[in-house]
Amino acid sequence: MSKSCKGLAMELVKCLSESDCVKIENRPYRECAREKSPSISSECVGLRETYFNCKRGQVDMRARIRGNKGY
């Protein structure tokens, strides 16, 4: 994993670990991150989208030259 997205990944895991999906339903992180259910907070959904854009920026050649935005 690239260092530029590592902080986002850690925040996403932390947010998901505090969600009802993982705590109450005892489902894996990956499964909870994929779905758009009310058991995940809007903060986690935002972090998921930001992490996706960060990873996509690593593949995009224009963004690779300029670097990822934000984080």
PDB file of N, CA and C in Angstrom:
ATOM      1  N   MET A   1       0.845  -1.174   0.000  1.00  0.00           N
ATOM      2  CA  MET A   1       0.000   0.000   0.000  1.00  0.00           C
ATOM      3  C   MET A   1       0.890   1.236   0.000  1.00  0.00           C
ATOM      4  N   SER A   2       0.503   2.165  -0.792  1.00  0.00           N
ATOM      5  CA  SER A   2       1.248   3.400  -0.876  1.00  0.00           C
ATOM      6  C   SER A   2       1.064   4.209   0.409  1.00  0.00           C
ATOM      7  N   LYS A   3       2.054   5.000   0.721  1.00  0.00           N
ATOM      8  CA  LYS A   3       2.003   5.779   1.949  1.00  0.00           C
ATOM      9  C   LYS A   3       0.962   6.889   1.886  1.00  0.00           C
ATOM     10  N   SER A   4       0.667   7.377   0.684  1.00  0.00           N
ATOM     11  CA  SER A   4      -0.246   8.508   0.590  1.00  0.00           C
ATOM     12  C   SER A   4      -1.677   8.143   0.972  1.00  0.00           C
ATOM     13  N   CYS A   5      -2.076   6.887   0.820  1.00  0.00           N
ATOM     14  CA  CYS A   5      -3.441   6.474   1.164  1.00  0.00           C
ATOM     15  C   CYS A   5      -3.507   5.712   2.484  1.00  0.00           C
ATOM     16  N   LYS A   6      -2.374   5.503   3.113  1.00  0.00           N
ATOM     17  CA  LYS A   6      -2.344   4.686   4.316  1.00  0.00           C
ATOM     18  C   LYS A   6      -3.119   5.322   5.467  1.00  0.00           C
ATOM     19  N   GLY A   7      -3.003   6.634   5.614  1.00  0.00           N
ATOM     20  CA  GLY A   7      -3.731   7.327   6.680  1.00  0.00           C
ATOM     21  C   GLY A   7      -5.230   7.223   6.498  1.00  0.00           C
ATOM     22  N   LEU A   8      -5.680   7.343   5.259  1.00  0.00           N
ATOM     23  CA  LEU A   8      -7.109   7.200   4.978  1.00  0.00           C
ATOM     24  C   LEU A   8      -7.587   5.790   5.275  1.00  0.00           C
ATOM     25  N   ALA A   9      -6.772   4.802   4.923  1.00  0.00           N
ATOM     26  CA  ALA A   9      -7.149   3.408   5.168  1.00  0.00           C
ATOM     27  C   ALA A   9      -7.283   3.150   6.662  1.00  0.00           C
ATOM     28  N   MET A  10      -6.379   3.686   7.446  1.00  0.00           N
ATOM     29  CA  MET A  10      -6.431   3.488   8.886  1.00  0.00           C
ATOM     30  C   MET A  10      -7.657   4.178   9.497  1.00  0.00           C
ATOM     31  N   GLU A  11      -7.977   5.373   9.020  1.00  0.00           N
ATOM     32  CA  GLU A  11      -9.161   6.073   9.519  1.00  0.00           C
ATOM     33  C   GLU A  11     -10.439   5.339   9.133  1.00  0.00           C
ATOM     34  N   LEU A  12     -10.465   4.761   7.920  1.00  0.00           N
ATOM     35  CA  LEU A  12     -11.635   4.012   7.478  1.00  0.00           C
ATOM     36  C   LEU A  12     -11.829   2.768   8.339  1.00  0.00           C
ATOM     37  N   VAL A  13     -10.766   2.062   8.642  1.00  0.00           N
ATOM     38  CA  VAL A  13     -10.861   0.870   9.495  1.00  0.00           C
ATOM     39  C   VAL A  13     -11.327   1.259  10.897  1.00  0.00           C
ATOM     40  N   LYS A  14     -10.799   2.366  11.405  1.00  0.00           N
ATOM     41  CA  LYS A  14     -11.206   2.833  12.739  1.00  0.00           C
ATOM     42  C   LYS A  14     -12.687   3.191  12.757  1.00  0.00           C
ATOM     43  N   CYS A  15     -13.137   3.876  11.720  1.00  0.00           N
ATOM     44  CA  CYS A  15     -14.542   4.273  11.638  1.00  0.00           C
ATOM     45  C   CYS A  15     -15.437   3.047  11.514  1.00  0.00           C
ATOM     46  N   LEU A  16     -15.039   2.088  10.697  1.00  0.00           N
ATOM     47  CA  LEU A  16     -15.843   0.875  10.526  1.00  0.00           C
ATOM     48  C   LEU A  16     -15.873   0.035  11.797  1.00  0.00           C
ATOM     49  N   SER A  17     -14.767   0.034  12.552  1.00  0.00           N
ATOM     50  CA  SER A  17     -14.737  -0.764  13.781  1.00  0.00           C
ATOM     51  C   SER A  17     -15.692  -0.204  14.838  1.00  0.00           C
ATOM     52  N   GLU A  18     -16.010   1.085  14.738  1.00  0.00           N
ATOM     53  CA  GLU A  18     -16.940   1.703  15.676  1.00  0.00           C
ATOM     54  C   GLU A  18     -18.386   1.665  15.186  1.00  0.00           C
ATOM     55  N   SER A  19     -18.607   1.134  13.981  1.00  0.00           N
ATOM     56  CA  SER A  19     -19.963   1.118  13.418  1.00  0.00           C
ATOM     57  C   SER A  19     -20.747  -0.087  13.933  1.00  0.00           C
ATOM     58  N   ASP A  20     -22.074  -0.005  13.819  1.00  0.00           N
ATOM     59  CA  ASP A  20     -22.938  -1.099  14.252  1.00  0.00           C
ATOM     60  C   ASP A  20     -22.747  -2.349  13.411  1.00  0.00           C
ATOM     61  N   CYS A  21     -22.356  -2.162  12.176  1.00  0.00           N
ATOM     62  CA  CYS A  21     -22.174  -3.293  11.269  1.00  0.00           C
ATOM     63  C   CYS A  21     -21.135  -4.276  11.821  1.00  0.00           C
ATOM     64  N   VAL A  22     -20.044  -3.754  12.354  1.00  0.00           N
ATOM     65  CA  VAL A  22     -18.980  -4.609  12.898  1.00  0.00           C
ATOM     66  C   VAL A  22     -19.265  -4.971  14.349  1.00  0.00           C
ATOM     67  N   LYS A  23     -19.691  -3.989  15.137  1.00  0.00           N
ATOM     68  CA  LYS A  23     -19.899  -4.222  16.572  1.00  0.00           C
ATOM     69  C   LYS A  23     -21.055  -5.174  16.861  1.00  0.00           C
ATOM     70  N   ILE A  24     -22.221  -4.859  16.328  1.00  0.00           N
ATOM     71  CA  ILE A  24     -23.419  -5.612  16.685  1.00  0.00           C
ATOM     72  C   ILE A  24     -23.635  -6.818  15.777  1.00  0.00           C
ATOM     73  N   GLU A  25     -23.479  -6.604  14.467  1.00  0.00           N
ATOM     74  CA  GLU A  25     -23.761  -7.673  13.516  1.00  0.00           C
ATOM     75  C   GLU A  25     -22.583  -8.631  13.318  1.00  0.00           C
ATOM     76  N   ASN A  26     -21.399  -8.290  13.847  1.00  0.00           N
ATOM     77  CA  ASN A  26     -20.195  -9.122  13.767  1.00  0.00           C
ATOM     78  C   ASN A  26     -19.854  -9.531  12.333  1.00  0.00           C
ATOM     79  N   ARG A  27     -19.934  -8.569  11.434  1.00  0.00           N
ATOM     80  CA  ARG A  27     -19.604  -8.832  10.040  1.00  0.00           C
ATOM     81  C   ARG A  27     -18.193  -8.358   9.766  1.00  0.00           C
ATOM     82  N   PRO A  28     -17.524  -8.908   8.757  1.00  0.00           N
ATOM     83  CA  PRO A  28     -16.155  -8.465   8.438  1.00  0.00           C
ATOM     84  C   PRO A  28     -16.119  -7.034   7.912  1.00  0.00           C
ATOM     85  N   TYR A  29     -14.963  -6.380   8.076  1.00  0.00           N
ATOM     86  CA  TYR A  29     -14.787  -5.004   7.639  1.00  0.00           C
ATOM     87  C   TYR A  29     -15.068  -4.854   6.149  1.00  0.00           C
ATOM     88  N   ARG A  30     -14.565  -5.749   5.363  1.00  0.00           N
ATOM     89  CA  ARG A  30     -14.707  -5.661   3.916  1.00  0.00           C
ATOM     90  C   ARG A  30     -16.173  -5.682   3.500  1.00  0.00           C
ATOM     91  N   GLU A  31     -16.932  -6.538   4.126  1.00  0.00           N
ATOM     92  CA  GLU A  31     -18.355  -6.640   3.808  1.00  0.00           C
ATOM     93  C   GLU A  31     -19.096  -5.365   4.221  1.00  0.00           C
ATOM     94  N   CYS A  32     -18.738  -4.815   5.360  1.00  0.00           N
ATOM     95  CA  CYS A  32     -19.384  -3.591   5.826  1.00  0.00           C
ATOM     96  C   CYS A  32     -19.007  -2.393   4.952  1.00  0.00           C
ATOM     97  N   ALA A  33     -17.786  -2.360   4.459  1.00  0.00           N
ATOM     98  CA  ALA A  33     -17.340  -1.235   3.637  1.00  0.00           C
ATOM     99  C   ALA A  33     -18.021  -1.240   2.272  1.00  0.00           C
ATOM    100  N   ARG A  34     -18.427  -2.383   1.789  1.00  0.00           N
ATOM    101  CA  ARG A  34     -19.036  -2.475   0.462  1.00  0.00           C
ATOM    102  C   ARG A  34     -20.463  -1.983   0.414  1.00  0.00           C
ATOM    103  N   GLU A  35     -21.196  -2.179   1.484  1.00  0.00           N
ATOM    104  CA  GLU A  35     -22.634  -1.911   1.416  1.00  0.00           C
ATOM    105  C   GLU A  35     -22.974  -0.476   1.772  1.00  0.00           C
ATOM    106  N   LYS A  36     -24.175  -0.086   1.369  1.00  0.00           N
ATOM    107  CA  LYS A  36     -24.672   1.260   1.646  1.00  0.00           C
ATOM    108  C   LYS A  36     -25.869   1.154   2.577  1.00  0.00           C
ATOM    109  N   SER A  37     -25.644   0.616   3.741  1.00  0.00           N
ATOM    110  CA  SER A  37     -26.751   0.419   4.675  1.00  0.00           C
ATOM    111  C   SER A  37     -26.722   1.500   5.758  1.00  0.00           C
ATOM    112  N   PRO A  38     -27.804   1.644   6.483  1.00  0.00           N
ATOM    113  CA  PRO A  38     -27.834   2.643   7.557  1.00  0.00           C
ATOM    114  C   PRO A  38     -26.979   2.254   8.768  1.00  0.00           C
ATOM    115  N   SER A  39     -26.434   1.042   8.788  1.00  0.00           N
ATOM    116  CA  SER A  39     -25.595   0.642   9.921  1.00  0.00           C
ATOM    117  C   SER A  39     -24.200   1.265   9.843  1.00  0.00           C
ATOM    118  N   ILE A  40     -23.904   1.944   8.724  1.00  0.00           N
ATOM    119  CA  ILE A  40     -22.628   2.644   8.577  1.00  0.00           C
ATOM    120  C   ILE A  40     -22.921   4.140   8.620  1.00  0.00           C
ATOM    121  N   SER A  41     -22.113   4.880   9.362  1.00  0.00           N
ATOM    122  CA  SER A  41     -22.347   6.323   9.473  1.00  0.00           C
ATOM    123  C   SER A  41     -21.962   7.030   8.175  1.00  0.00           C
ATOM    124  N   SER A  42     -22.464   8.231   8.016  1.00  0.00           N
ATOM    125  CA  SER A  42     -22.143   9.001   6.812  1.00  0.00           C
ATOM    126  C   SER A  42     -20.669   9.374   6.781  1.00  0.00           C
ATOM    127  N   GLU A  43     -20.050   9.462   7.950  1.00  0.00           N
ATOM    128  CA  GLU A  43     -18.613   9.736   8.009  1.00  0.00           C
ATOM    129  C   GLU A  43     -17.822   8.594   7.376  1.00  0.00           C
ATOM    130  N   CYS A  44     -18.228   7.360   7.667  1.00  0.00           N
ATOM    131  CA  CYS A  44     -17.548   6.199   7.089  1.00  0.00           C
ATOM    132  C   CYS A  44     -17.750   6.137   5.577  1.00  0.00           C
ATOM    133  N   VAL A  45     -18.936   6.501   5.136  1.00  0.00           N
ATOM    134  CA  VAL A  45     -19.208   6.505   3.695  1.00  0.00           C
ATOM    135  C   VAL A  45     -18.328   7.552   3.014  1.00  0.00           C
ATOM    136  N   GLY A  46     -18.176   8.701   3.630  1.00  0.00           N
ATOM    137  CA  GLY A  46     -17.302   9.744   3.086  1.00  0.00           C
ATOM    138  C   GLY A  46     -15.851   9.309   3.051  1.00  0.00           C
ATOM    139  N   LEU A  47     -15.399   8.659   4.103  1.00  0.00           N
ATOM    140  CA  LEU A  47     -14.024   8.149   4.128  1.00  0.00           C
ATOM    141  C   LEU A  47     -13.814   7.085   3.063  1.00  0.00           C
ATOM    142  N   ARG A  48     -14.827   6.250   2.849  1.00  0.00           N
ATOM    143  CA  ARG A  48     -14.728   5.210   1.824  1.00  0.00           C
ATOM    144  C   ARG A  48     -14.575   5.825   0.434  1.00  0.00           C
ATOM    145  N   GLU A  49     -15.356   6.856   0.160  1.00  0.00           N
ATOM    146  CA  GLU A  49     -15.279   7.535  -1.141  1.00  0.00           C
ATOM    147  C   GLU A  49     -13.923   8.225  -1.310  1.00  0.00           C
ATOM    148  N   THR A  50     -13.441   8.867  -0.261  1.00  0.00           N
ATOM    149  CA  THR A  50     -12.144   9.536  -0.323  1.00  0.00           C
ATOM    150  C   THR A  50     -11.018   8.538  -0.528  1.00  0.00           C
ATOM    151  N   TYR A  51     -11.104   7.396   0.151  1.00  0.00           N
ATOM    152  CA  TYR A  51     -10.092   6.349  -0.014  1.00  0.00           C
ATOM    153  C   TYR A  51     -10.124   5.798  -1.443  1.00  0.00           C
ATOM    154  N   PHE A  52     -11.329   5.605  -1.989  1.00  0.00           N
ATOM    155  CA  PHE A  52     -11.459   5.136  -3.363  1.00  0.00           C
ATOM    156  C   PHE A  52     -10.806   6.117  -4.332  1.00  0.00           C
ATOM    157  N   ASN A  53     -11.064   7.405  -4.142  1.00  0.00           N
ATOM    158  CA  ASN A  53     -10.466   8.413  -5.022  1.00  0.00           C
ATOM    159  C   ASN A  53      -8.955   8.465  -4.875  1.00  0.00           C
ATOM    160  N   CYS A  54      -8.459   8.238  -3.683  1.00  0.00           N
ATOM    161  CA  CYS A  54      -7.014   8.205  -3.460  1.00  0.00           C
ATOM    162  C   CYS A  54      -6.383   7.039  -4.211  1.00  0.00           C
ATOM    163  N   LYS A  55      -6.988   5.861  -4.091  1.00  0.00           N
ATOM    164  CA  LYS A  55      -6.453   4.684  -4.791  1.00  0.00           C
ATOM    165  C   LYS A  55      -6.568   4.844  -6.303  1.00  0.00           C
ATOM    166  N   ARG A  56      -7.665   5.440  -6.769  1.00  0.00           N
ATOM    167  CA  ARG A  56      -7.830   5.660  -8.207  1.00  0.00           C
ATOM    168  C   ARG A  56      -6.785   6.649  -8.710  1.00  0.00           C
ATOM    169  N   GLY A  57      -6.437   7.627  -7.893  1.00  0.00           N
ATOM    170  CA  GLY A  57      -5.421   8.598  -8.273  1.00  0.00           C
ATOM    171  C   GLY A  57      -4.047   7.980  -8.439  1.00  0.00           C
ATOM    172  N   GLN A  58      -3.792   6.867  -7.775  1.00  0.00           N
ATOM    173  CA  GLN A  58      -2.506   6.194  -7.931  1.00  0.00           C
ATOM    174  C   GLN A  58      -2.389   5.500  -9.280  1.00  0.00           C
ATOM    175  N   VAL A  59      -3.514   5.147  -9.867  1.00  0.00           N
ATOM    176  CA  VAL A  59      -3.508   4.465 -11.161  1.00  0.00           C
ATOM    177  C   VAL A  59      -3.521   5.473 -12.307  1.00  0.00           C
ATOM    178  N   ASP A  60      -4.164   6.615 -12.094  1.00  0.00           N
ATOM    179  CA  ASP A  60      -4.255   7.648 -13.113  1.00  0.00           C
ATOM    180  C   ASP A  60      -2.879   8.267 -13.336  1.00  0.00           C
ATOM    181  N   MET A  61      -2.396   8.221 -14.568  1.00  0.00           N
ATOM    182  CA  MET A  61      -1.041   8.708 -14.862  1.00  0.00           C
ATOM    183  C   MET A  61      -0.899  10.213 -14.614  1.00  0.00           C
ATOM    184  N   ARG A  62      -1.921  10.983 -14.917  1.00  0.00           N
ATOM    185  CA  ARG A  62      -1.823  12.430 -14.676  1.00  0.00           C
ATOM    186  C   ARG A  62      -1.705  12.717 -13.183  1.00  0.00           C
ATOM    187  N   ALA A  63      -2.452  11.979 -12.391  1.00  0.00           N
ATOM    188  CA  ALA A  63      -2.402  12.193 -10.936  1.00  0.00           C
ATOM    189  C   ALA A  63      -1.106  11.635 -10.345  1.00  0.00           C
ATOM    190  N   ARG A  64      -0.552  10.614 -10.963  1.00  0.00           N
ATOM    191  CA  ARG A  64       0.703  10.058 -10.434  1.00  0.00           C
ATOM    192  C   ARG A  64       1.838  11.049 -10.558  1.00  0.00           C
ATOM    193  N   ILE A  65       1.812  11.839 -11.621  1.00  0.00           N
ATOM    194  CA  ILE A  65       2.864  12.839 -11.808  1.00  0.00           C
ATOM    195  C   ILE A  65       2.709  13.976 -10.797  1.00  0.00           C
ATOM    196  N   ARG A  66       1.476  14.423 -10.610  1.00  0.00           N
ATOM    197  CA  ARG A  66       1.198  15.545  -9.700  1.00  0.00           C
ATOM    198  C   ARG A  66       1.088  15.117  -8.248  1.00  0.00           C
ATOM    199  N   GLY A  67       0.777  13.870  -8.008  1.00  0.00           N
ATOM    200  CA  GLY A  67       0.568  13.385  -6.646  1.00  0.00           C
ATOM    201  C   GLY A  67      -0.894  13.431  -6.277  1.00  0.00           C
ATOM    202  N   ASN A  68      -1.260  12.686  -5.257  1.00  0.00           N
ATOM    203  CA  ASN A  68      -2.652  12.663  -4.805  1.00  0.00           C
ATOM    204  C   ASN A  68      -3.013  13.974  -4.148  1.00  0.00           C
ATOM    205  N   LYS A  69      -4.275  14.363  -4.339  1.00  0.00           N
ATOM    206  CA  LYS A  69      -4.757  15.596  -3.747  1.00  0.00           C
ATOM    207  C   LYS A  69      -5.155  15.342  -2.292  1.00  0.00           C
ATOM    208  N   GLY A  70      -4.989  16.332  -1.492  1.00  0.00           N
ATOM    209  CA  GLY A  70      -5.524  16.259  -0.134  1.00  0.00           C
ATOM    210  C   GLY A  70      -4.608  15.582   0.848  1.00  0.00           C
ATOM    211  N   TYR A  71      -4.906  14.383   1.178  1.00  0.00           N
ATOM    212  CA  TYR A  71      -4.293  13.704   2.300  1.00  0.00           C
ATOM    213  C   TYR A  71      -2.824  13.683   2.200  1.00  0.00           C
TER     214      TYR A  71
END
